[in-house]
Structure formats: C-alpha cells, structure tokens
Amino acid sequence: MSETIYSQPYAVKIPPILVAKDRQVGHNPENELISRLHNRLEAEGIKLENMREFGFDIPVSREEQAEGKRGYEYWVQVPGFSYDIPGLQVESFKGGNYLALRIDNPFAEPCARIPEAWDRLVKYIEEQQITADDHHEAGVCLEEVSANQSMEVMTIYIRIKD
C-alpha cells in the first residue's frame, strides 16, 4: 500500500465536548447507527454542520461474535453545556491528549486500510515509548470521519497520558 495513504502520527488535544451517543450490535452496525442518530438529532432541531462525530468498537458477547456480529458506539457533538433529548444518552466527553493518524480514502479498502492505520499508530506508540491511557472507558480509542477537499479522510486517535 502506498505510504501517502497515511499521515505520520501527530499529537493533538481534543477539547471537552457534550455528545449524544448510541450503540448498536450487528453485522455492519455503523451505517444504520449513524443514520439513526443523525435522524434523531435532526428531528430535535440540532444542526449537525461543524459538529464533531466519533465512533469506536465496543465489546460483544461470545455468542454475538460467533454469529459474526460487532458492536459500535457513535457520538455526535451537541451544542451547549447540557441537553435533554428523550430516549438518547447525552453526556460530557472529557477530551484529552491523543496521538492521531490520518487515513486518506479509508473506505476504498476499509478492511485493509483501517486496521493498517491502527497497527501503524500502535507501533509508533511502542517505538517511541509513549504511555497510552490504559483506562477501560469510552473515548480511549476513537475514529473520526470528515471530508478533506475532494476525499473522505478518517482520523484515528489513541489517548495518551499527560
């Protein structure tokens, strides 16, 4: 694979934000989950432009794994300091210091490019002897998809200790 697909790892601080979140388990949970969450927020009158969105894998049971299912959680930033959206969980994300790596056109070969990016980022952390945040909580490892000129890009993040 071409080296130009991946950026070099870089440090970034993600500020604290308020997020609406949802989860789903299935064979390909991301698309349905993202669509459902977007529709729900838009129905509440929340404009999604310029709002950050993050996703990450979540654990599933052995039975679900045996059926080929995966779990995914998705967050969409919502404006303000508090929000009440019936039927949706809204909470503060504390943000933090992260190492990040950008992938150009991640969905051209998602089963190859995205895992390769995670491997590269983890390898960099190990080689540089950086201490990753080992807390088992949401937001330690994140994926963020955005548009960059004429292509989609994905940025992956691993939280590091301060």
N, C-alpha and C. Protein backbone atom coordinates (compact mmCIF):
# COMPACT_ATOMS: atom_id res chain seq x y z
N MET A 1 0.83 -1.19 0.00
CA MET A 1 0.00 0.00 0.00
C MET A 1 0.87 1.24 0.00
N SER A 2 0.41 2.25 -0.63
CA SER A 2 1.16 3.49 -0.75
C SER A 2 1.28 4.18 0.60
N GLU A 3 2.47 4.69 0.87
CA GLU A 3 2.71 5.42 2.10
C GLU A 3 1.89 6.71 2.17
N THR A 4 1.49 7.26 1.01
CA THR A 4 0.77 8.53 1.02
C THR A 4 -0.66 8.39 1.53
N ILE A 5 -1.12 7.19 1.72
CA ILE A 5 -2.46 6.98 2.28
C ILE A 5 -2.51 7.41 3.74
N TYR A 6 -1.39 7.27 4.44
CA TYR A 6 -1.34 7.50 5.88
C TYR A 6 -0.48 8.71 6.21
N SER A 7 -0.94 9.51 7.16
CA SER A 7 -0.10 10.59 7.68
C SER A 7 0.91 10.00 8.66
N GLN A 8 1.84 10.82 9.07
CA GLN A 8 2.69 10.46 10.19
C GLN A 8 1.86 10.67 11.47
N PRO A 9 2.11 9.90 12.51
CA PRO A 9 1.41 10.15 13.77
C PRO A 9 1.72 11.56 14.29
N TYR A 10 0.74 12.17 14.92
CA TYR A 10 0.92 13.51 15.47
C TYR A 10 0.11 13.65 16.75
N ALA A 11 0.55 14.56 17.61
CA ALA A 11 -0.13 14.81 18.88
C ALA A 11 -1.24 15.84 18.67
N VAL A 12 -2.33 15.65 19.36
CA VAL A 12 -3.46 16.57 19.27
C VAL A 12 -4.22 16.55 20.60
N LYS A 13 -4.79 17.68 20.95
CA LYS A 13 -5.64 17.74 22.14
C LYS A 13 -7.09 17.86 21.67
N ILE A 14 -7.92 16.96 22.13
CA ILE A 14 -9.36 17.04 21.85
C ILE A 14 -9.99 17.72 23.06
N PRO A 15 -10.68 18.84 22.85
CA PRO A 15 -11.27 19.56 23.98
C PRO A 15 -12.50 18.83 24.52
N PRO A 16 -12.89 19.11 25.75
CA PRO A 16 -14.13 18.54 26.28
C PRO A 16 -15.32 19.00 25.43
N ILE A 17 -16.23 18.09 25.17
CA ILE A 17 -17.45 18.42 24.42
C ILE A 17 -18.62 17.63 24.99
N LEU A 18 -19.81 18.08 24.68
CA LEU A 18 -21.03 17.37 25.03
C LEU A 18 -21.43 16.53 23.83
N VAL A 19 -21.74 15.25 24.07
CA VAL A 19 -22.08 14.35 22.96
C VAL A 19 -23.39 13.62 23.23
N ALA A 20 -24.14 13.41 22.15
CA ALA A 20 -25.26 12.48 22.16
C ALA A 20 -24.70 11.18 21.64
N LYS A 21 -25.10 10.06 22.23
CA LYS A 21 -24.49 8.80 21.83
C LYS A 21 -25.51 7.69 21.75
N ASP A 22 -25.14 6.68 20.97
CA ASP A 22 -25.98 5.49 20.82
C ASP A 22 -25.06 4.33 20.48
N ARG A 23 -25.58 3.11 20.62
CA ARG A 23 -24.82 1.89 20.36
C ARG A 23 -25.65 0.94 19.52
N GLN A 24 -24.94 0.05 18.84
CA GLN A 24 -25.63 -0.98 18.07
C GLN A 24 -24.72 -2.19 17.91
N VAL A 25 -25.34 -3.36 17.87
CA VAL A 25 -24.65 -4.61 17.60
C VAL A 25 -25.26 -5.19 16.34
N GLY A 26 -24.41 -5.64 15.42
CA GLY A 26 -24.89 -6.24 14.18
C GLY A 26 -23.74 -6.63 13.30
N HIS A 27 -24.07 -7.08 12.09
CA HIS A 27 -23.03 -7.50 11.14
C HIS A 27 -22.28 -6.30 10.57
N ASN A 28 -22.95 -5.19 10.41
CA ASN A 28 -22.32 -3.95 9.95
C ASN A 28 -23.05 -2.80 10.66
N PRO A 29 -22.77 -2.60 11.94
CA PRO A 29 -23.60 -1.69 12.74
C PRO A 29 -23.43 -0.21 12.45
N GLU A 30 -22.30 0.20 11.85
CA GLU A 30 -22.00 1.62 11.73
C GLU A 30 -23.04 2.41 10.95
N ASN A 31 -23.35 2.00 9.73
CA ASN A 31 -24.21 2.81 8.85
C ASN A 31 -25.60 3.03 9.43
N GLU A 32 -26.24 1.97 9.90
CA GLU A 32 -27.58 2.11 10.46
C GLU A 32 -27.56 2.97 11.73
N LEU A 33 -26.57 2.75 12.57
CA LEU A 33 -26.44 3.51 13.81
C LEU A 33 -26.24 5.00 13.54
N ILE A 34 -25.33 5.33 12.64
CA ILE A 34 -25.05 6.73 12.32
C ILE A 34 -26.28 7.40 11.74
N SER A 35 -26.95 6.73 10.82
CA SER A 35 -28.16 7.28 10.21
C SER A 35 -29.25 7.52 11.26
N ARG A 36 -29.45 6.54 12.13
CA ARG A 36 -30.48 6.66 13.17
C ARG A 36 -30.17 7.84 14.11
N LEU A 37 -28.92 7.96 14.53
CA LEU A 37 -28.55 9.05 15.44
C LEU A 37 -28.68 10.41 14.76
N HIS A 38 -28.22 10.51 13.51
CA HIS A 38 -28.37 11.77 12.77
C HIS A 38 -29.84 12.15 12.64
N ASN A 39 -30.69 11.20 12.24
CA ASN A 39 -32.12 11.48 12.08
C ASN A 39 -32.75 11.94 13.39
N ARG A 40 -32.38 11.29 14.48
CA ARG A 40 -32.95 11.64 15.78
C ARG A 40 -32.56 13.06 16.19
N LEU A 41 -31.29 13.41 15.99
CA LEU A 41 -30.83 14.75 16.36
C LEU A 41 -31.44 15.82 15.47
N GLU A 42 -31.53 15.54 14.17
CA GLU A 42 -32.15 16.50 13.25
C GLU A 42 -33.62 16.70 13.59
N ALA A 43 -34.31 15.64 14.02
CA ALA A 43 -35.71 15.76 14.43
C ALA A 43 -35.85 16.66 15.66
N GLU A 44 -34.81 16.75 16.46
CA GLU A 44 -34.80 17.64 17.63
C GLU A 44 -34.37 19.06 17.27
N GLY A 45 -34.09 19.29 15.98
CA GLY A 45 -33.69 20.62 15.53
C GLY A 45 -32.21 20.93 15.71
N ILE A 46 -31.42 19.91 15.95
CA ILE A 46 -29.98 20.11 16.13
C ILE A 46 -29.30 20.06 14.77
N LYS A 47 -28.61 21.12 14.43
CA LYS A 47 -27.88 21.19 13.16
C LYS A 47 -26.54 20.48 13.32
N LEU A 48 -26.25 19.58 12.40
CA LEU A 48 -25.06 18.75 12.52
C LEU A 48 -23.82 19.34 11.86
N GLU A 49 -23.99 20.43 11.07
CA GLU A 49 -22.83 21.03 10.43
C GLU A 49 -21.85 21.49 11.50
N ASN A 50 -20.59 21.26 11.24
CA ASN A 50 -19.49 21.68 12.12
C ASN A 50 -19.49 21.00 13.48
N MET A 51 -20.26 19.95 13.64
CA MET A 51 -20.24 19.19 14.89
C MET A 51 -19.30 17.99 14.69
N ARG A 52 -18.48 17.74 15.67
CA ARG A 52 -17.56 16.60 15.58
C ARG A 52 -18.33 15.31 15.84
N GLU A 53 -17.88 14.24 15.19
CA GLU A 53 -18.51 12.94 15.34
C GLU A 53 -17.41 11.89 15.49
N PHE A 54 -17.59 11.01 16.46
CA PHE A 54 -16.60 9.97 16.75
C PHE A 54 -17.30 8.62 16.86
N GLY A 55 -16.60 7.57 16.51
CA GLY A 55 -17.11 6.22 16.68
C GLY A 55 -16.00 5.30 17.16
N PHE A 56 -16.42 4.16 17.70
CA PHE A 56 -15.44 3.17 18.14
C PHE A 56 -16.15 1.84 18.38
N ASP A 57 -15.36 0.77 18.27
CA ASP A 57 -15.88 -0.57 18.52
C ASP A 57 -16.15 -0.76 20.01
N ILE A 58 -17.17 -1.57 20.30
CA ILE A 58 -17.48 -1.93 21.68
C ILE A 58 -17.54 -3.44 21.78
N PRO A 59 -17.33 -3.99 22.97
CA PRO A 59 -17.35 -5.45 23.12
C PRO A 59 -18.73 -6.04 22.85
N VAL A 60 -18.73 -7.27 22.37
CA VAL A 60 -19.96 -8.04 22.18
C VAL A 60 -19.78 -9.38 22.88
N SER A 61 -20.87 -10.09 23.07
CA SER A 61 -20.82 -11.39 23.73
C SER A 61 -20.16 -12.43 22.81
N ARG A 62 -19.75 -13.53 23.39
CA ARG A 62 -19.17 -14.62 22.58
C ARG A 62 -20.17 -15.15 21.56
N GLU A 63 -21.43 -15.20 21.96
CA GLU A 63 -22.47 -15.66 21.05
C GLU A 63 -22.58 -14.72 19.84
N GLU A 64 -22.57 -13.42 20.12
CA GLU A 64 -22.64 -12.44 19.03
C GLU A 64 -21.41 -12.52 18.14
N GLN A 65 -20.24 -12.72 18.74
CA GLN A 65 -19.01 -12.88 17.95
C GLN A 65 -19.12 -14.11 17.05
N ALA A 66 -19.63 -15.20 17.59
CA ALA A 66 -19.77 -16.44 16.81
C ALA A 66 -20.71 -16.25 15.63
N GLU A 67 -21.67 -15.33 15.76
CA GLU A 67 -22.60 -15.02 14.68
C GLU A 67 -22.03 -13.99 13.71
N GLY A 68 -20.80 -13.56 13.94
CA GLY A 68 -20.16 -12.58 13.06
C GLY A 68 -20.59 -11.15 13.33
N LYS A 69 -21.13 -10.90 14.51
CA LYS A 69 -21.61 -9.55 14.84
C LYS A 69 -20.52 -8.75 15.56
N ARG A 70 -20.63 -7.43 15.42
CA ARG A 70 -19.72 -6.50 16.08
C ARG A 70 -20.55 -5.43 16.77
N GLY A 71 -19.92 -4.78 17.73
CA GLY A 71 -20.58 -3.68 18.42
C GLY A 71 -19.92 -2.36 18.06
N TYR A 72 -20.72 -1.30 18.00
CA TYR A 72 -20.19 0.03 17.66
C TYR A 72 -20.94 1.07 18.46
N GLU A 73 -20.20 2.06 18.95
CA GLU A 73 -20.80 3.21 19.63
C GLU A 73 -20.45 4.44 18.82
N TYR A 74 -21.41 5.37 18.73
CA TYR A 74 -21.20 6.57 17.93
C TYR A 74 -21.62 7.79 18.73
N TRP A 75 -20.80 8.84 18.63
CA TRP A 75 -21.05 10.09 19.33
C TRP A 75 -21.18 11.22 18.33
N VAL A 76 -22.12 12.12 18.60
CA VAL A 76 -22.25 13.35 17.83
C VAL A 76 -22.23 14.51 18.82
N GLN A 77 -21.37 15.47 18.57
CA GLN A 77 -21.30 16.66 19.42
C GLN A 77 -22.62 17.41 19.35
N VAL A 78 -23.10 17.85 20.49
CA VAL A 78 -24.30 18.69 20.54
C VAL A 78 -23.91 20.02 21.19
N PRO A 79 -24.59 21.10 20.80
CA PRO A 79 -24.22 22.42 21.33
C PRO A 79 -24.63 22.58 22.79
N GLY A 80 -23.95 23.46 23.47
CA GLY A 80 -24.34 23.82 24.83
C GLY A 80 -23.60 23.03 25.89
N PHE A 81 -24.06 23.24 27.11
CA PHE A 81 -23.42 22.61 28.26
C PHE A 81 -24.27 21.51 28.86
N SER A 82 -25.54 21.48 28.54
CA SER A 82 -26.41 20.39 28.99
C SER A 82 -27.53 20.26 27.97
N TYR A 83 -28.07 19.09 27.89
CA TYR A 83 -29.09 18.83 26.89
C TYR A 83 -29.95 17.68 27.36
N ASP A 84 -31.24 17.74 27.10
CA ASP A 84 -32.13 16.64 27.43
C ASP A 84 -32.84 16.23 26.15
N ILE A 85 -32.48 15.07 25.65
CA ILE A 85 -33.12 14.53 24.45
C ILE A 85 -33.75 13.20 24.86
N PRO A 86 -35.06 13.15 24.98
CA PRO A 86 -35.71 11.92 25.41
C PRO A 86 -35.28 10.73 24.54
N GLY A 87 -34.90 9.65 25.21
CA GLY A 87 -34.52 8.43 24.50
C GLY A 87 -33.08 8.38 24.05
N LEU A 88 -32.32 9.45 24.26
CA LEU A 88 -30.90 9.45 23.90
C LEU A 88 -30.06 9.79 25.11
N GLN A 89 -28.93 9.15 25.19
CA GLN A 89 -27.99 9.46 26.26
C GLN A 89 -27.10 10.62 25.81
N VAL A 90 -27.05 11.66 26.63
CA VAL A 90 -26.20 12.82 26.36
C VAL A 90 -25.28 12.98 27.56
N GLU A 91 -23.99 13.09 27.28
CA GLU A 91 -23.04 13.23 28.39
C GLU A 91 -21.82 14.02 27.97
N SER A 92 -21.04 14.42 28.94
CA SER A 92 -19.81 15.15 28.69
C SER A 92 -18.69 14.17 28.37
N PHE A 93 -17.94 14.50 27.34
CA PHE A 93 -16.72 13.76 27.00
C PHE A 93 -15.56 14.64 27.44
N LYS A 94 -14.68 14.09 28.26
CA LYS A 94 -13.64 14.92 28.88
C LYS A 94 -12.52 15.31 27.93
N GLY A 95 -12.45 14.70 26.75
CA GLY A 95 -11.37 15.02 25.83
C GLY A 95 -10.04 14.55 26.38
N GLY A 96 -8.96 15.16 25.93
CA GLY A 96 -7.65 14.79 26.43
C GLY A 96 -6.58 14.88 25.37
N ASN A 97 -5.40 14.41 25.72
CA ASN A 97 -4.27 14.38 24.80
C ASN A 97 -4.26 13.05 24.05
N TYR A 98 -4.10 13.14 22.74
CA TYR A 98 -4.16 11.96 21.88
C TYR A 98 -3.00 11.95 20.90
N LEU A 99 -2.65 10.76 20.45
CA LEU A 99 -1.84 10.62 19.25
C LEU A 99 -2.82 10.27 18.15
N ALA A 100 -2.64 10.85 16.99
CA ALA A 100 -3.58 10.67 15.88
C ALA A 100 -2.83 10.26 14.62
N LEU A 101 -3.56 9.66 13.71
CA LEU A 101 -3.04 9.29 12.39
C LEU A 101 -4.19 9.42 11.41
N ARG A 102 -3.96 10.09 10.28
CA ARG A 102 -4.99 10.32 9.27
C ARG A 102 -4.87 9.29 8.15
N ILE A 103 -6.01 8.82 7.66
CA ILE A 103 -6.08 7.87 6.55
C ILE A 103 -6.84 8.55 5.42
N ASP A 104 -6.24 8.66 4.25
CA ASP A 104 -6.94 9.19 3.08
C ASP A 104 -7.76 8.09 2.43
N ASN A 105 -8.99 8.42 2.02
CA ASN A 105 -9.89 7.46 1.37
C ASN A 105 -9.96 6.13 2.11
N PRO A 106 -10.32 6.13 3.39
CA PRO A 106 -10.29 4.89 4.17
C PRO A 106 -11.25 3.82 3.67
N PHE A 107 -12.33 4.25 3.00
CA PHE A 107 -13.35 3.27 2.59
C PHE A 107 -13.10 2.70 1.20
N ALA A 108 -11.98 3.10 0.56
CA ALA A 108 -11.60 2.46 -0.71
C ALA A 108 -11.26 1.00 -0.46
N GLU A 109 -10.59 0.73 0.66
CA GLU A 109 -10.26 -0.63 1.09
C GLU A 109 -10.35 -0.66 2.62
N PRO A 110 -11.56 -0.57 3.17
CA PRO A 110 -11.68 -0.40 4.62
C PRO A 110 -11.13 -1.55 5.45
N CYS A 111 -11.24 -2.77 4.96
CA CYS A 111 -10.76 -3.92 5.73
C CYS A 111 -9.24 -4.01 5.74
N ALA A 112 -8.57 -3.27 4.88
CA ALA A 112 -7.11 -3.23 4.86
C ALA A 112 -6.59 -1.92 5.44
N ARG A 113 -7.12 -0.81 4.99
CA ARG A 113 -6.57 0.50 5.38
C ARG A 113 -6.78 0.85 6.85
N ILE A 114 -7.96 0.60 7.36
CA ILE A 114 -8.23 0.99 8.74
C ILE A 114 -7.42 0.15 9.73
N PRO A 115 -7.41 -1.19 9.62
CA PRO A 115 -6.56 -1.96 10.53
C PRO A 115 -5.07 -1.62 10.39
N GLU A 116 -4.61 -1.38 9.17
CA GLU A 116 -3.21 -0.99 8.95
C GLU A 116 -2.90 0.31 9.68
N ALA A 117 -3.82 1.25 9.65
CA ALA A 117 -3.61 2.53 10.34
C ALA A 117 -3.48 2.31 11.85
N TRP A 118 -4.36 1.49 12.41
CA TRP A 118 -4.27 1.20 13.85
C TRP A 118 -2.94 0.53 14.17
N ASP A 119 -2.52 -0.42 13.33
CA ASP A 119 -1.23 -1.08 13.54
C ASP A 119 -0.09 -0.07 13.53
N ARG A 120 -0.11 0.85 12.58
CA ARG A 120 0.94 1.87 12.49
C ARG A 120 0.96 2.77 13.73
N LEU A 121 -0.21 3.17 14.19
CA LEU A 121 -0.27 4.06 15.34
C LEU A 121 0.21 3.35 16.61
N VAL A 122 -0.22 2.12 16.81
CA VAL A 122 0.23 1.36 17.98
C VAL A 122 1.74 1.12 17.91
N LYS A 123 2.24 0.77 16.73
CA LYS A 123 3.68 0.54 16.57
C LYS A 123 4.46 1.82 16.91
N TYR A 124 3.98 2.96 16.47
CA TYR A 124 4.64 4.24 16.76
C TYR A 124 4.67 4.49 18.27
N ILE A 125 3.56 4.25 18.94
CA ILE A 125 3.48 4.44 20.39
C ILE A 125 4.50 3.55 21.09
N GLU A 126 4.59 2.29 20.65
CA GLU A 126 5.54 1.36 21.25
C GLU A 126 6.98 1.78 20.97
N GLU A 127 7.29 2.13 19.72
CA GLU A 127 8.65 2.51 19.36
C GLU A 127 9.11 3.78 20.08
N GLN A 128 8.21 4.72 20.25
CA GLN A 128 8.55 5.99 20.90
C GLN A 128 8.42 5.91 22.43
N GLN A 129 8.01 4.75 22.91
CA GLN A 129 7.83 4.50 24.35
C GLN A 129 6.90 5.54 24.98
N ILE A 130 5.83 5.83 24.26
CA ILE A 130 4.80 6.74 24.75
C ILE A 130 3.83 5.92 25.60
N THR A 131 3.36 6.49 26.68
CA THR A 131 2.43 5.77 27.54
C THR A 131 1.00 6.07 27.11
N ALA A 132 0.34 5.04 26.60
CA ALA A 132 -1.06 5.18 26.22
C ALA A 132 -1.91 5.14 27.49
N ASP A 133 -3.06 5.78 27.43
CA ASP A 133 -4.01 5.75 28.54
C ASP A 133 -4.65 4.38 28.55
N ASP A 134 -4.44 3.62 29.63
CA ASP A 134 -4.95 2.25 29.67
C ASP A 134 -6.27 2.11 30.41
N HIS A 135 -6.94 3.23 30.66
CA HIS A 135 -8.25 3.14 31.30
C HIS A 135 -9.22 2.45 30.35
N HIS A 136 -10.05 1.62 30.91
CA HIS A 136 -11.04 0.92 30.10
C HIS A 136 -12.35 1.70 30.14
N GLU A 137 -12.35 2.80 29.41
CA GLU A 137 -13.53 3.65 29.36
C GLU A 137 -13.71 4.12 27.93
N ALA A 138 -14.89 4.58 27.63
CA ALA A 138 -15.17 5.09 26.29
C ALA A 138 -14.28 6.29 26.00
N GLY A 139 -13.84 6.38 24.77
CA GLY A 139 -13.08 7.54 24.33
C GLY A 139 -11.58 7.37 24.37
N VAL A 140 -11.07 6.19 24.72
CA VAL A 140 -9.62 5.97 24.72
C VAL A 140 -9.13 5.82 23.28
N CYS A 141 -9.87 5.08 22.47
CA CYS A 141 -9.57 4.94 21.04
C CYS A 141 -10.77 5.43 20.25
N LEU A 142 -10.54 6.33 19.30
CA LEU A 142 -11.64 6.94 18.55
C LEU A 142 -11.35 6.95 17.06
N GLU A 143 -12.42 7.00 16.28
CA GLU A 143 -12.34 7.21 14.83
C GLU A 143 -13.22 8.41 14.49
N GLU A 144 -12.71 9.27 13.60
CA GLU A 144 -13.46 10.45 13.18
C GLU A 144 -13.35 10.56 11.66
N VAL A 145 -14.49 10.60 10.98
CA VAL A 145 -14.51 10.72 9.52
C VAL A 145 -14.90 12.14 9.16
N SER A 146 -14.19 12.70 8.17
CA SER A 146 -14.50 14.04 7.69
C SER A 146 -14.13 14.14 6.21
N ALA A 147 -14.51 15.25 5.59
CA ALA A 147 -14.15 15.48 4.19
C ALA A 147 -12.95 16.41 4.15
N ASN A 148 -12.02 16.10 3.27
CA ASN A 148 -10.82 16.92 3.09
C ASN A 148 -10.69 17.19 1.60
N GLN A 149 -11.09 18.36 1.16
CA GLN A 149 -11.12 18.73 -0.26
C GLN A 149 -12.05 17.76 -1.00
N SER A 150 -11.51 16.88 -1.81
CA SER A 150 -12.36 16.02 -2.65
C SER A 150 -12.43 14.58 -2.16
N MET A 151 -11.96 14.30 -0.94
CA MET A 151 -11.98 12.92 -0.48
C MET A 151 -12.38 12.84 0.99
N GLU A 152 -12.83 11.64 1.37
CA GLU A 152 -13.08 11.38 2.78
C GLU A 152 -11.76 11.04 3.44
N VAL A 153 -11.63 11.46 4.68
CA VAL A 153 -10.48 11.09 5.48
C VAL A 153 -10.98 10.58 6.82
N MET A 154 -10.24 9.67 7.40
CA MET A 154 -10.53 9.19 8.74
C MET A 154 -9.31 9.50 9.59
N THR A 155 -9.57 10.03 10.77
CA THR A 155 -8.50 10.22 11.73
C THR A 155 -8.76 9.27 12.88
N ILE A 156 -7.74 8.51 13.23
CA ILE A 156 -7.85 7.61 14.38
C ILE A 156 -7.05 8.21 15.52
N TYR A 157 -7.52 7.97 16.73
CA TYR A 157 -6.92 8.58 17.92
C TYR A 157 -6.72 7.53 19.00
N ILE A 158 -5.60 7.62 19.71
CA ILE A 158 -5.37 6.86 20.94
C ILE A 158 -4.99 7.86 22.01
N ARG A 159 -5.75 7.84 23.11
CA ARG A 159 -5.46 8.79 24.20
C ARG A 159 -4.15 8.39 24.88
N ILE A 160 -3.34 9.40 25.18
CA ILE A 160 -2.07 9.18 25.86
C ILE A 160 -2.10 9.88 27.20
N LYS A 161 -1.26 9.41 28.10
CA LYS A 161 -1.20 10.02 29.43
C LYS A 161 -0.55 11.38 29.33
N ASP A 162 -1.02 12.29 30.17
CA ASP A 162 -0.47 13.66 30.20
C ASP A 162 0.97 13.66 30.66
